[in-house]
Structures are given as structure tokens and as C-alpha cells.
Amino acid sequence: MSSAFTARDLNHFDYVIIGGGIAGVVCAETLCELLNPSRFSGALQSSSGHLNYASKRVALISASQTVKTTINLRRISNMIETFDIEEKSGSSWSETWPDTLTVICDTMIKLE
């Protein structure tokens, strides 16, 4: 983690996703892509500085140290896709968004 993080930052996330299955992983990937649009779309960030998505943090809580990702995604028709499932280490998977995404290996007991 960057040395610029404070103690509050280490315990604070803007978005928390519970579950390291396909739904949770796709949700986290999509959210990270939306928060970091220039990584994938080539979109430029606003020069006015009103929206600073780069500082947003996402946590994915998984009971396992591995997460389930989709590979070999193929669109068959407008409404049907086919894909394979691959298990990856949560730490290596999250390296795509090092300043945004944190994978926490734990179980959820209570949500307040």
C-alpha cells in the first residue's frame, strides 16, 4: 500500500463487496473499471477536478484466499454468453487495481 494512506484509510472503504464468487468478482471488476475509466477506455479525467474517482477504495471480502473469475468469454447471441471459470489468488487478481481494490480474506459476521 502507498505510504500516503493514513490509519483511517486502512480501515475505510467507499464500497464493500461480500463474496469472492463470480458475482462478487464481476461486481468488483466492473466497479474498479468505472472508478478508473482511463485504464481501459482511454477516457480523460476531468480537468476541473470535481470528480476524483482515483481516491475511491473498494474491498472484496472472501472467505477463501482465492476468487472465481471468468475466462474465455464468448458472446453467442445478444442474450447468451459462454465462459469458463478459473480460480485465482485474490492478491494476484487485485494487482490490476493496486490503489483501488483490496481483497480481505475473512468471513462476514455482522453488518451495521
PDB file of N, CA and C in Angstrom:
ATOM      1  N   MET A   1       0.826  -1.185   0.000  1.00  0.00           N
ATOM      2  CA  MET A   1       0.000   0.000   0.000  1.00  0.00           C
ATOM      3  C   MET A   1       0.868   1.245   0.000  1.00  0.00           C
ATOM      4  N   SER A   2       0.337   2.281  -0.542  1.00  0.00           N
ATOM      5  CA  SER A   2       1.057   3.538  -0.609  1.00  0.00           C
ATOM      6  C   SER A   2       1.275   4.104   0.788  1.00  0.00           C
ATOM      7  N   SER A   3       2.413   4.734   0.990  1.00  0.00           N
ATOM      8  CA  SER A   3       2.704   5.323   2.297  1.00  0.00           C
ATOM      9  C   SER A   3       1.842   6.546   2.568  1.00  0.00           C
ATOM     10  N   ALA A   4       1.108   7.020   1.560  1.00  0.00           N
ATOM     11  CA  ALA A   4       0.249   8.189   1.731  1.00  0.00           C
ATOM     12  C   ALA A   4      -1.037   7.857   2.490  1.00  0.00           C
ATOM     13  N   PHE A   5      -1.348   6.577   2.666  1.00  0.00           N
ATOM     14  CA  PHE A   5      -2.554   6.199   3.389  1.00  0.00           C
ATOM     15  C   PHE A   5      -2.399   6.500   4.874  1.00  0.00           C
ATOM     16  N   THR A   6      -3.477   6.982   5.483  1.00  0.00           N
ATOM     17  CA  THR A   6      -3.481   7.217   6.925  1.00  0.00           C
ATOM     18  C   THR A   6      -4.116   6.014   7.612  1.00  0.00           C
ATOM     19  N   ALA A   7      -4.113   6.005   8.936  1.00  0.00           N
ATOM     20  CA  ALA A   7      -4.733   4.908   9.684  1.00  0.00           C
ATOM     21  C   ALA A   7      -6.213   4.800   9.339  1.00  0.00           C
ATOM     22  N   ARG A   8      -6.882   5.924   9.157  1.00  0.00           N
ATOM     23  CA  ARG A   8      -8.294   5.913   8.785  1.00  0.00           C
ATOM     24  C   ARG A   8      -8.466   5.249   7.427  1.00  0.00           C
ATOM     25  N   ASP A   9      -7.580   5.551   6.481  1.00  0.00           N
ATOM     26  CA  ASP A   9      -7.679   4.991   5.142  1.00  0.00           C
ATOM     27  C   ASP A   9      -7.563   3.477   5.142  1.00  0.00           C
ATOM     28  N   LEU A  10      -6.745   2.926   6.021  1.00  0.00           N
ATOM     29  CA  LEU A  10      -6.550   1.488   6.057  1.00  0.00           C
ATOM     30  C   LEU A  10      -7.811   0.751   6.480  1.00  0.00           C
ATOM     31  N   ASN A  11      -8.692   1.424   7.207  1.00  0.00           N
ATOM     32  CA  ASN A  11      -9.919   0.804   7.691  1.00  0.00           C
ATOM     33  C   ASN A  11     -11.171   1.341   7.006  1.00  0.00           C
ATOM     34  N   HIS A  12     -11.012   2.186   6.024  1.00  0.00           N
ATOM     35  CA  HIS A  12     -12.157   2.819   5.369  1.00  0.00           C
ATOM     36  C   HIS A  12     -12.215   2.411   3.902  1.00  0.00           C
ATOM     37  N   PHE A  13     -13.393   1.995   3.473  1.00  0.00           N
ATOM     38  CA  PHE A  13     -13.621   1.679   2.064  1.00  0.00           C
ATOM     39  C   PHE A  13     -14.894   2.381   1.630  1.00  0.00           C
ATOM     40  N   ASP A  14     -14.899   2.871   0.414  1.00  0.00           N
ATOM     41  CA  ASP A  14     -16.087   3.524  -0.126  1.00  0.00           C
ATOM     42  C   ASP A  14     -17.128   2.496  -0.559  1.00  0.00           C
ATOM     43  N   TYR A  15     -16.648   1.322  -0.994  1.00  0.00           N
ATOM     44  CA  TYR A  15     -17.519   0.238  -1.440  1.00  0.00           C
ATOM     45  C   TYR A  15     -17.012  -1.067  -0.844  1.00  0.00           C
ATOM     46  N   VAL A  16     -17.934  -1.884  -0.328  1.00  0.00           N
ATOM     47  CA  VAL A  16     -17.578  -3.196   0.214  1.00  0.00           C
ATOM     48  C   VAL A  16     -18.438  -4.239  -0.492  1.00  0.00           C
ATOM     49  N   ILE A  17     -17.779  -5.235  -1.072  1.00  0.00           N
ATOM     50  CA  ILE A  17     -18.460  -6.322  -1.771  1.00  0.00           C
ATOM     51  C   ILE A  17     -18.202  -7.592  -0.976  1.00  0.00           C
ATOM     52  N   ILE A  18     -19.258  -8.311  -0.661  1.00  0.00           N
ATOM     53  CA  ILE A  18     -19.126  -9.525   0.138  1.00  0.00           C
ATOM     54  C   ILE A  18     -19.302 -10.730  -0.777  1.00  0.00           C
ATOM     55  N   GLY A  19     -18.261 -11.542  -0.861  1.00  0.00           N
ATOM     56  CA  GLY A  19     -18.311 -12.763  -1.655  1.00  0.00           C
ATOM     57  C   GLY A  19     -17.298 -12.762  -2.782  1.00  0.00           C
ATOM     58  N   GLY A  20     -16.475 -13.794  -2.816  1.00  0.00           N
ATOM     59  CA  GLY A  20     -15.440 -13.920  -3.837  1.00  0.00           C
ATOM     60  C   GLY A  20     -15.833 -14.833  -4.981  1.00  0.00           C
ATOM     61  N   GLY A  21     -17.136 -15.084  -5.123  1.00  0.00           N
ATOM     62  CA  GLY A  21     -17.619 -15.878  -6.252  1.00  0.00           C
ATOM     63  C   GLY A  21     -17.691 -15.028  -7.507  1.00  0.00           C
ATOM     64  N   ILE A  22     -18.248 -15.587  -8.554  1.00  0.00           N
ATOM     65  CA  ILE A  22     -18.290 -14.887  -9.835  1.00  0.00           C
ATOM     66  C   ILE A  22     -19.044 -13.565  -9.730  1.00  0.00           C
ATOM     67  N   ALA A  23     -20.184 -13.543  -9.055  1.00  0.00           N
ATOM     68  CA  ALA A  23     -20.970 -12.306  -8.955  1.00  0.00           C
ATOM     69  C   ALA A  23     -20.191 -11.211  -8.233  1.00  0.00           C
ATOM     70  N   GLY A  24     -19.562 -11.547  -7.105  1.00  0.00           N
ATOM     71  CA  GLY A  24     -18.787 -10.558  -6.362  1.00  0.00           C
ATOM     72  C   GLY A  24     -17.582 -10.068  -7.137  1.00  0.00           C
ATOM     73  N   VAL A  25     -16.895 -10.982  -7.813  1.00  0.00           N
ATOM     74  CA  VAL A  25     -15.703 -10.620  -8.579  1.00  0.00           C
ATOM     75  C   VAL A  25     -16.070  -9.738  -9.768  1.00  0.00           C
ATOM     76  N   VAL A  26     -17.123 -10.095 -10.500  1.00  0.00           N
ATOM     77  CA  VAL A  26     -17.551  -9.271 -11.638  1.00  0.00           C
ATOM     78  C   VAL A  26     -17.999  -7.900 -11.154  1.00  0.00           C
ATOM     79  N   CYS A  27     -18.695  -7.847 -10.031  1.00  0.00           N
ATOM     80  CA  CYS A  27     -19.111  -6.570  -9.453  1.00  0.00           C
ATOM     81  C   CYS A  27     -17.890  -5.714  -9.126  1.00  0.00           C
ATOM     82  N   ALA A  28     -16.883  -6.309  -8.483  1.00  0.00           N
ATOM     83  CA  ALA A  28     -15.667  -5.574  -8.119  1.00  0.00           C
ATOM     84  C   ALA A  28     -14.908  -5.112  -9.358  1.00  0.00           C
ATOM     85  N   GLU A  29     -14.779  -5.981 -10.358  1.00  0.00           N
ATOM     86  CA  GLU A  29     -14.076  -5.607 -11.592  1.00  0.00           C
ATOM     87  C   GLU A  29     -14.779  -4.460 -12.300  1.00  0.00           C
ATOM     88  N   THR A  30     -16.101  -4.550 -12.408  1.00  0.00           N
ATOM     89  CA  THR A  30     -16.873  -3.502 -13.075  1.00  0.00           C
ATOM     90  C   THR A  30     -16.764  -2.190 -12.319  1.00  0.00           C
ATOM     91  N   LEU A  31     -16.884  -2.239 -11.010  1.00  0.00           N
ATOM     92  CA  LEU A  31     -16.776  -1.036 -10.192  1.00  0.00           C
ATOM     93  C   LEU A  31     -15.396  -0.404 -10.332  1.00  0.00           C
ATOM     94  N   CYS A  32     -14.349  -1.208 -10.284  1.00  0.00           N
ATOM     95  CA  CYS A  32     -12.986  -0.683 -10.429  1.00  0.00           C
ATOM     96  C   CYS A  32     -12.775  -0.065 -11.808  1.00  0.00           C
ATOM     97  N   GLU A  33     -13.345  -0.667 -12.847  1.00  0.00           N
ATOM     98  CA  GLU A  33     -13.230  -0.102 -14.189  1.00  0.00           C
ATOM     99  C   GLU A  33     -13.977   1.225 -14.286  1.00  0.00           C
ATOM    100  N   LEU A  34     -15.132   1.328 -13.628  1.00  0.00           N
ATOM    101  CA  LEU A  34     -15.884   2.582 -13.634  1.00  0.00           C
ATOM    102  C   LEU A  34     -15.162   3.671 -12.846  1.00  0.00           C
ATOM    103  N   LEU A  35     -14.486   3.291 -11.766  1.00  0.00           N
ATOM    104  CA  LEU A  35     -13.752   4.259 -10.948  1.00  0.00           C
ATOM    105  C   LEU A  35     -12.439   4.678 -11.595  1.00  0.00           C
ATOM    106  N   ASN A  36     -11.915   3.857 -12.494  1.00  0.00           N
ATOM    107  CA  ASN A  36     -10.648   4.135 -13.176  1.00  0.00           C
ATOM    108  C   ASN A  36     -10.851   4.031 -14.681  1.00  0.00           C
ATOM    109  N   PRO A  37     -11.694   4.891 -15.272  1.00  0.00           N
ATOM    110  CA  PRO A  37     -12.043   4.720 -16.687  1.00  0.00           C
ATOM    111  C   PRO A  37     -10.866   4.854 -17.643  1.00  0.00           C
ATOM    112  N   SER A  38      -9.863   5.618 -17.296  1.00  0.00           N
ATOM    113  CA  SER A  38      -8.751   5.821 -18.221  1.00  0.00           C
ATOM    114  C   SER A  38      -7.900   4.573 -18.375  1.00  0.00           C
ATOM    115  N   ARG A  39      -7.969   3.642 -17.437  1.00  0.00           N
ATOM    116  CA  ARG A  39      -7.186   2.395 -17.535  1.00  0.00           C
ATOM    117  C   ARG A  39      -7.592   1.582 -18.750  1.00  0.00           C
ATOM    118  N   PHE A  40      -8.894   1.551 -19.070  1.00  0.00           N
ATOM    119  CA  PHE A  40      -9.380   0.648 -20.100  1.00  0.00           C
ATOM    120  C   PHE A  40      -9.993   1.362 -21.296  1.00  0.00           C
ATOM    121  N   SER A  41     -10.607   2.504 -21.085  1.00  0.00           N
ATOM    122  CA  SER A  41     -11.330   3.151 -22.178  1.00  0.00           C
ATOM    123  C   SER A  41     -10.544   4.264 -22.846  1.00  0.00           C
ATOM    124  N   GLY A  42      -9.474   4.707 -22.243  1.00  0.00           N
ATOM    125  CA  GLY A  42      -8.717   5.821 -22.795  1.00  0.00           C
ATOM    126  C   GLY A  42      -9.366   7.160 -22.486  1.00  0.00           C
ATOM    127  N   ALA A  43     -10.428   7.167 -21.686  1.00  0.00           N
ATOM    128  CA  ALA A  43     -11.123   8.407 -21.343  1.00  0.00           C
ATOM    129  C   ALA A  43     -10.231   9.274 -20.463  1.00  0.00           C
ATOM    130  N   LEU A  44     -10.293  10.562 -20.688  1.00  0.00           N
ATOM    131  CA  LEU A  44      -9.512  11.503 -19.885  1.00  0.00           C
ATOM    132  C   LEU A  44     -10.321  11.932 -18.679  1.00  0.00           C
ATOM    133  N   GLN A  45      -9.642  12.120 -17.566  1.00  0.00           N
ATOM    134  CA  GLN A  45     -10.336  12.582 -16.375  1.00  0.00           C
ATOM    135  C   GLN A  45     -10.580  14.082 -16.485  1.00  0.00           C
ATOM    136  N   SER A  46     -11.596  14.530 -15.809  1.00  0.00           N
ATOM    137  CA  SER A  46     -11.981  15.930 -15.843  1.00  0.00           C
ATOM    138  C   SER A  46     -10.857  16.814 -15.317  1.00  0.00           C
ATOM    139  N   SER A  47     -10.554  17.879 -16.050  1.00  0.00           N
ATOM    140  CA  SER A  47      -9.508  18.807 -15.613  1.00  0.00           C
ATOM    141  C   SER A  47      -9.998  19.708 -14.488  1.00  0.00           C
ATOM    142  N   SER A  48     -11.330  19.785 -14.291  1.00  0.00           N
ATOM    143  CA  SER A  48     -11.866  20.633 -13.230  1.00  0.00           C
ATOM    144  C   SER A  48     -11.634  20.031 -11.851  1.00  0.00           C
ATOM    145  N   GLY A  49     -11.402  18.728 -11.790  1.00  0.00           N
ATOM    146  CA  GLY A  49     -11.116  18.078 -10.518  1.00  0.00           C
ATOM    147  C   GLY A  49     -12.332  17.825  -9.650  1.00  0.00           C
ATOM    148  N   HIS A  50     -13.536  18.022 -10.183  1.00  0.00           N
ATOM    149  CA  HIS A  50     -14.734  17.817  -9.367  1.00  0.00           C
ATOM    150  C   HIS A  50     -14.936  16.354  -8.983  1.00  0.00           C
ATOM    151  N   LEU A  51     -14.648  15.435  -9.880  1.00  0.00           N
ATOM    152  CA  LEU A  51     -14.833  14.018  -9.600  1.00  0.00           C
ATOM    153  C   LEU A  51     -13.479  13.351  -9.492  1.00  0.00           C
ATOM    154  N   ASN A  52     -13.098  12.960  -8.292  1.00  0.00           N
ATOM    155  CA  ASN A  52     -11.811  12.310  -8.084  1.00  0.00           C
ATOM    156  C   ASN A  52     -12.050  10.849  -7.729  1.00  0.00           C
ATOM    157  N   TYR A  53     -12.332  10.057  -8.754  1.00  0.00           N
ATOM    158  CA  TYR A  53     -12.609   8.643  -8.527  1.00  0.00           C
ATOM    159  C   TYR A  53     -11.362   7.862  -8.151  1.00  0.00           C
ATOM    160  N   ALA A  54     -10.189   8.366  -8.464  1.00  0.00           N
ATOM    161  CA  ALA A  54      -8.948   7.638  -8.195  1.00  0.00           C
ATOM    162  C   ALA A  54      -8.750   7.384  -6.702  1.00  0.00           C
ATOM    163  N   SER A  55      -9.346   8.210  -5.856  1.00  0.00           N
ATOM    164  CA  SER A  55      -9.156   8.042  -4.415  1.00  0.00           C
ATOM    165  C   SER A  55     -10.188   7.100  -3.789  1.00  0.00           C
ATOM    166  N   LYS A  56     -11.143   6.624  -4.560  1.00  0.00           N
ATOM    167  CA  LYS A  56     -12.158   5.707  -4.033  1.00  0.00           C
ATOM    168  C   LYS A  56     -11.538   4.336  -3.799  1.00  0.00           C
ATOM    169  N   ARG A  57     -11.971   3.665  -2.728  1.00  0.00           N
ATOM    170  CA  ARG A  57     -11.414   2.354  -2.383  1.00  0.00           C
ATOM    171  C   ARG A  57     -12.517   1.308  -2.319  1.00  0.00           C
ATOM    172  N   VAL A  58     -12.203   0.127  -2.848  1.00  0.00           N
ATOM    173  CA  VAL A  58     -13.135  -0.989  -2.917  1.00  0.00           C
ATOM    174  C   VAL A  58     -12.542  -2.160  -2.142  1.00  0.00           C
ATOM    175  N   ALA A  59     -13.359  -2.799  -1.310  1.00  0.00           N
ATOM    176  CA  ALA A  59     -12.934  -4.014  -0.603  1.00  0.00           C
ATOM    177  C   ALA A  59     -13.812  -5.166  -1.058  1.00  0.00           C
ATOM    178  N   LEU A  60     -13.178  -6.287  -1.349  1.00  0.00           N
ATOM    179  CA  LEU A  60     -13.894  -7.525  -1.633  1.00  0.00           C
ATOM    180  C   LEU A  60     -13.579  -8.477  -0.491  1.00  0.00           C
ATOM    181  N   ILE A  61     -14.613  -8.899   0.241  1.00  0.00           N
ATOM    182  CA  ILE A  61     -14.424  -9.814   1.365  1.00  0.00           C
ATOM    183  C   ILE A  61     -14.774 -11.220   0.897  1.00  0.00           C
ATOM    184  N   SER A  62     -13.807 -12.126   1.010  1.00  0.00           N
ATOM    185  CA  SER A  62     -13.985 -13.507   0.575  1.00  0.00           C
ATOM    186  C   SER A  62     -13.560 -14.450   1.694  1.00  0.00           C
ATOM    187  N   ALA A  63     -14.315 -15.517   1.900  1.00  0.00           N
ATOM    188  CA  ALA A  63     -13.963 -16.498   2.925  1.00  0.00           C
ATOM    189  C   ALA A  63     -12.753 -17.324   2.507  1.00  0.00           C
ATOM    190  N   SER A  64     -12.428 -17.281   1.234  1.00  0.00           N
ATOM    191  CA  SER A  64     -11.310 -18.052   0.693  1.00  0.00           C
ATOM    192  C   SER A  64     -10.221 -17.108   0.192  1.00  0.00           C
ATOM    193  N   GLN A  65      -8.994 -17.589   0.122  1.00  0.00           N
ATOM    194  CA  GLN A  65      -7.902 -16.769  -0.413  1.00  0.00           C
ATOM    195  C   GLN A  65      -7.913 -16.738  -1.932  1.00  0.00           C
ATOM    196  N   THR A  66      -8.811 -17.514  -2.539  1.00  0.00           N
ATOM    197  CA  THR A  66      -8.942 -17.490  -3.993  1.00  0.00           C
ATOM    198  C   THR A  66     -10.280 -16.874  -4.365  1.00  0.00           C
ATOM    199  N   VAL A  67     -10.335 -16.311  -5.560  1.00  0.00           N
ATOM    200  CA  VAL A  67     -11.574 -15.753  -6.094  1.00  0.00           C
ATOM    201  C   VAL A  67     -11.865 -16.454  -7.415  1.00  0.00           C
ATOM    202  N   LYS A  68     -13.129 -16.450  -7.804  1.00  0.00           N
ATOM    203  CA  LYS A  68     -13.537 -17.098  -9.053  1.00  0.00           C
ATOM    204  C   LYS A  68     -13.708 -16.044 -10.135  1.00  0.00           C
ATOM    205  N   THR A  69     -12.966 -16.222 -11.221  1.00  0.00           N
ATOM    206  CA  THR A  69     -13.023 -15.278 -12.333  1.00  0.00           C
ATOM    207  C   THR A  69     -13.505 -15.997 -13.587  1.00  0.00           C
ATOM    208  N   THR A  70     -13.965 -15.205 -14.547  1.00  0.00           N
ATOM    209  CA  THR A  70     -14.400 -15.777 -15.820  1.00  0.00           C
ATOM    210  C   THR A  70     -13.289 -15.606 -16.847  1.00  0.00           C
ATOM    211  N   ILE A  71     -13.093 -16.641 -17.659  1.00  0.00           N
ATOM    212  CA  ILE A  71     -12.130 -16.582 -18.763  1.00  0.00           C
ATOM    213  C   ILE A  71     -12.802 -17.157 -20.003  1.00  0.00           C
ATOM    214  N   ASN A  72     -12.198 -16.926 -21.141  1.00  0.00           N
ATOM    215  CA  ASN A  72     -12.714 -17.435 -22.423  1.00  0.00           C
ATOM    216  C   ASN A  72     -14.162 -17.011 -22.654  1.00  0.00           C
ATOM    217  N   LEU A  73     -14.467 -15.761 -22.356  1.00  0.00           N
ATOM    218  CA  LEU A  73     -15.822 -15.236 -22.531  1.00  0.00           C
ATOM    219  C   LEU A  73     -16.123 -15.090 -24.021  1.00  0.00           C
ATOM    220  N   ARG A  74     -17.226 -15.686 -24.449  1.00  0.00           N
ATOM    221  CA  ARG A  74     -17.648 -15.586 -25.849  1.00  0.00           C
ATOM    222  C   ARG A  74     -19.129 -15.249 -25.894  1.00  0.00           C
ATOM    223  N   ARG A  75     -19.466 -14.301 -26.731  1.00  0.00           N
ATOM    224  CA  ARG A  75     -20.873 -13.947 -26.927  1.00  0.00           C
ATOM    225  C   ARG A  75     -21.435 -14.855 -28.015  1.00  0.00           C
ATOM    226  N   ILE A  76     -22.483 -15.593 -27.680  1.00  0.00           N
ATOM    227  CA  ILE A  76     -23.122 -16.493 -28.637  1.00  0.00           C
ATOM    228  C   ILE A  76     -24.247 -15.773 -29.369  1.00  0.00           C
ATOM    229  N   SER A  77     -25.011 -14.994 -28.637  1.00  0.00           N
ATOM    230  CA  SER A  77     -26.078 -14.187 -29.226  1.00  0.00           C
ATOM    231  C   SER A  77     -26.196 -12.920 -28.400  1.00  0.00           C
ATOM    232  N   ASN A  78     -27.202 -12.139 -28.691  1.00  0.00           N
ATOM    233  CA  ASN A  78     -27.408 -10.886 -27.968  1.00  0.00           C
ATOM    234  C   ASN A  78     -27.630 -11.102 -26.478  1.00  0.00           C
ATOM    235  N   MET A  79     -28.200 -12.250 -26.114  1.00  0.00           N
ATOM    236  CA  MET A  79     -28.555 -12.507 -24.720  1.00  0.00           C
ATOM    237  C   MET A  79     -27.811 -13.689 -24.104  1.00  0.00           C
ATOM    238  N   ILE A  80     -26.975 -14.373 -24.872  1.00  0.00           N
ATOM    239  CA  ILE A  80     -26.322 -15.578 -24.367  1.00  0.00           C
ATOM    240  C   ILE A  80     -24.810 -15.466 -24.514  1.00  0.00           C
ATOM    241  N   GLU A  81     -24.108 -15.772 -23.424  1.00  0.00           N
ATOM    242  CA  GLU A  81     -22.647 -15.808 -23.434  1.00  0.00           C
ATOM    243  C   GLU A  81     -22.191 -17.143 -22.861  1.00  0.00           C
ATOM    244  N   THR A  82     -21.000 -17.562 -23.244  1.00  0.00           N
ATOM    245  CA  THR A  82     -20.408 -18.760 -22.670  1.00  0.00           C
ATOM    246  C   THR A  82     -19.042 -18.383 -22.103  1.00  0.00           C
ATOM    247  N   PHE A  83     -18.643 -19.047 -21.024  1.00  0.00           N
ATOM    248  CA  PHE A  83     -17.360 -18.739 -20.400  1.00  0.00           C
ATOM    249  C   PHE A  83     -16.906 -19.911 -19.553  1.00  0.00           C
ATOM    250  N   ASP A  84     -15.639 -19.878 -19.183  1.00  0.00           N
ATOM    251  CA  ASP A  84     -15.079 -20.854 -18.256  1.00  0.00           C
ATOM    252  C   ASP A  84     -14.787 -20.147 -16.944  1.00  0.00           C
ATOM    253  N   ILE A  85     -14.698 -20.917 -15.871  1.00  0.00           N
ATOM    254  CA  ILE A  85     -14.421 -20.362 -14.548  1.00  0.00           C
ATOM    255  C   ILE A  85     -13.015 -20.765 -14.130  1.00  0.00           C
ATOM    256  N   GLU A  86     -12.291 -19.794 -13.595  1.00  0.00           N
ATOM    257  CA  GLU A  86     -10.928 -20.044 -13.127  1.00  0.00           C
ATOM    258  C   GLU A  86     -10.785 -19.491 -11.717  1.00  0.00           C
ATOM    259  N   GLU A  87     -10.137 -20.237 -10.845  1.00  0.00           N
ATOM    260  CA  GLU A  87      -9.841 -19.727  -9.504  1.00  0.00           C
ATOM    261  C   GLU A  87      -8.465 -19.099  -9.522  1.00  0.00           C
ATOM    262  N   LYS A  88      -8.376 -17.886  -8.968  1.00  0.00           N
ATOM    263  CA  LYS A  88      -7.111 -17.159  -8.896  1.00  0.00           C
ATOM    264  C   LYS A  88      -6.863 -16.733  -7.463  1.00  0.00           C
ATOM    265  N   SER A  89      -5.620 -16.524  -7.151  1.00  0.00           N
ATOM    266  CA  SER A  89      -5.259 -15.955  -5.857  1.00  0.00           C
ATOM    267  C   SER A  89      -5.855 -14.554  -5.777  1.00  0.00           C
ATOM    268  N   GLY A  90      -6.511 -14.243  -4.668  1.00  0.00           N
ATOM    269  CA  GLY A  90      -7.108 -12.920  -4.505  1.00  0.00           C
ATOM    270  C   GLY A  90      -6.087 -11.805  -4.586  1.00  0.00           C
ATOM    271  N   SER A  91      -4.897 -12.036  -4.047  1.00  0.00           N
ATOM    272  CA  SER A  91      -3.870 -10.988  -4.069  1.00  0.00           C
ATOM    273  C   SER A  91      -3.358 -10.735  -5.481  1.00  0.00           C
ATOM    274  N   SER A  92      -3.165 -11.772  -6.276  1.00  0.00           N
ATOM    275  CA  SER A  92      -2.680 -11.544  -7.643  1.00  0.00           C
ATOM    276  C   SER A  92      -3.777 -10.947  -8.518  1.00  0.00           C
ATOM    277  N   TRP A  93      -5.027 -11.358  -8.304  1.00  0.00           N
ATOM    278  CA  TRP A  93      -6.137 -10.811  -9.082  1.00  0.00           C
ATOM    279  C   TRP A  93      -6.307  -9.315  -8.817  1.00  0.00           C
ATOM    280  N   SER A  94      -6.142  -8.886  -7.567  1.00  0.00           N
ATOM    281  CA  SER A  94      -6.374  -7.478  -7.210  1.00  0.00           C
ATOM    282  C   SER A  94      -5.243  -6.553  -7.654  1.00  0.00           C
ATOM    283  N   GLU A  95      -4.117  -7.091  -8.113  1.00  0.00           N
ATOM    284  CA  GLU A  95      -2.987  -6.254  -8.537  1.00  0.00           C
ATOM    285  C   GLU A  95      -3.314  -5.378  -9.738  1.00  0.00           C
ATOM    286  N   THR A  96      -4.379  -5.690 -10.458  1.00  0.00           N
ATOM    287  CA  THR A  96      -4.787  -4.861 -11.596  1.00  0.00           C
ATOM    288  C   THR A  96      -5.178  -3.459 -11.140  1.00  0.00           C
ATOM    289  N   TRP A  97      -5.712  -3.341  -9.939  1.00  0.00           N
ATOM    290  CA  TRP A  97      -6.139  -2.052  -9.377  1.00  0.00           C
ATOM    291  C   TRP A  97      -5.479  -1.869  -8.015  1.00  0.00           C
ATOM    292  N   PRO A  98      -4.171  -1.684  -7.929  1.00  0.00           N
ATOM    293  CA  PRO A  98      -3.463  -1.693  -6.640  1.00  0.00           C
ATOM    294  C   PRO A  98      -3.880  -0.597  -5.665  1.00  0.00           C
ATOM    295  N   ASP A  99      -4.268   0.560  -6.152  1.00  0.00           N
ATOM    296  CA  ASP A  99      -4.636   1.659  -5.253  1.00  0.00           C
ATOM    297  C   ASP A  99      -6.135   1.716  -4.983  1.00  0.00           C
ATOM    298  N   THR A 100      -6.901   0.880  -5.656  1.00  0.00           N
ATOM    299  CA  THR A 100      -8.355   0.916  -5.538  1.00  0.00           C
ATOM    300  C   THR A 100      -8.917  -0.305  -4.828  1.00  0.00           C
ATOM    301  N   LEU A 101      -8.441  -1.498  -5.188  1.00  0.00           N
ATOM    302  CA  LEU A 101      -9.050  -2.744  -4.734  1.00  0.00           C
ATOM    303  C   LEU A 101      -8.208  -3.455  -3.685  1.00  0.00           C
ATOM    304  N   THR A 102      -8.872  -3.869  -2.609  1.00  0.00           N
ATOM    305  CA  THR A 102      -8.245  -4.669  -1.557  1.00  0.00           C
ATOM    306  C   THR A 102      -9.082  -5.922  -1.352  1.00  0.00           C
ATOM    307  N   VAL A 103      -8.432  -7.083  -1.373  1.00  0.00           N
ATOM    308  CA  VAL A 103      -9.126  -8.338  -1.093  1.00  0.00           C
ATOM    309  C   VAL A 103      -8.845  -8.710   0.356  1.00  0.00           C
ATOM    310  N   ILE A 104      -9.912  -8.937   1.109  1.00  0.00           N
ATOM    311  CA  ILE A 104      -9.803  -9.296   2.519  1.00  0.00           C
ATOM    312  C   ILE A 104     -10.296 -10.729   2.674  1.00  0.00           C
ATOM    313  N   CYS A 105      -9.438 -11.597   3.171  1.00  0.00           N
ATOM    314  CA  CYS A 105      -9.811 -12.996   3.394  1.00  0.00           C
ATOM    315  C   CYS A 105     -10.368 -13.113   4.815  1.00  0.00           C
ATOM    316  N   ASP A 106     -11.686 -13.171   4.912  1.00  0.00           N
ATOM    317  CA  ASP A 106     -12.353 -13.230   6.212  1.00  0.00           C
ATOM    318  C   ASP A 106     -13.807 -13.618   5.980  1.00  0.00           C
ATOM    319  N   THR A 107     -14.543 -13.804   7.053  1.00  0.00           N
ATOM    320  CA  THR A 107     -15.971 -14.081   6.943  1.00  0.00           C
ATOM    321  C   THR A 107     -16.756 -12.923   7.536  1.00  0.00           C
ATOM    322  N   MET A 108     -17.937 -12.706   7.000  1.00  0.00           N
ATOM    323  CA  MET A 108     -18.808 -11.630   7.452  1.00  0.00           C
ATOM    324  C   MET A 108     -19.664 -12.147   8.596  1.00  0.00           C
ATOM    325  N   ILE A 109     -19.641 -11.457   9.717  1.00  0.00           N
ATOM    326  CA  ILE A 109     -20.436 -11.858  10.877  1.00  0.00           C
ATOM    327  C   ILE A 109     -21.640 -10.941  11.048  1.00  0.00           C
ATOM    328  N   LYS A 110     -21.402  -9.641  10.902  1.00  0.00           N
ATOM    329  CA  LYS A 110     -22.466  -8.677  11.156  1.00  0.00           C
ATOM    330  C   LYS A 110     -22.238  -7.444  10.300  1.00  0.00           C
ATOM    331  N   LEU A 111     -23.335  -6.878   9.814  1.00  0.00           N
ATOM    332  CA  LEU A 111     -23.282  -5.650   9.037  1.00  0.00           C
ATOM    333  C   LEU A 111     -24.117  -4.607   9.752  1.00  0.00           C
ATOM    334  N   GLU A 112     -23.502  -3.472  10.057  1.00  0.00           N
ATOM    335  CA  GLU A 112     -24.227  -2.411  10.769  1.00  0.00           C
ATOM    336  C   GLU A 112     -24.497  -1.257   9.854  1.00  0.00           C
TER     337      GLU A 112
END
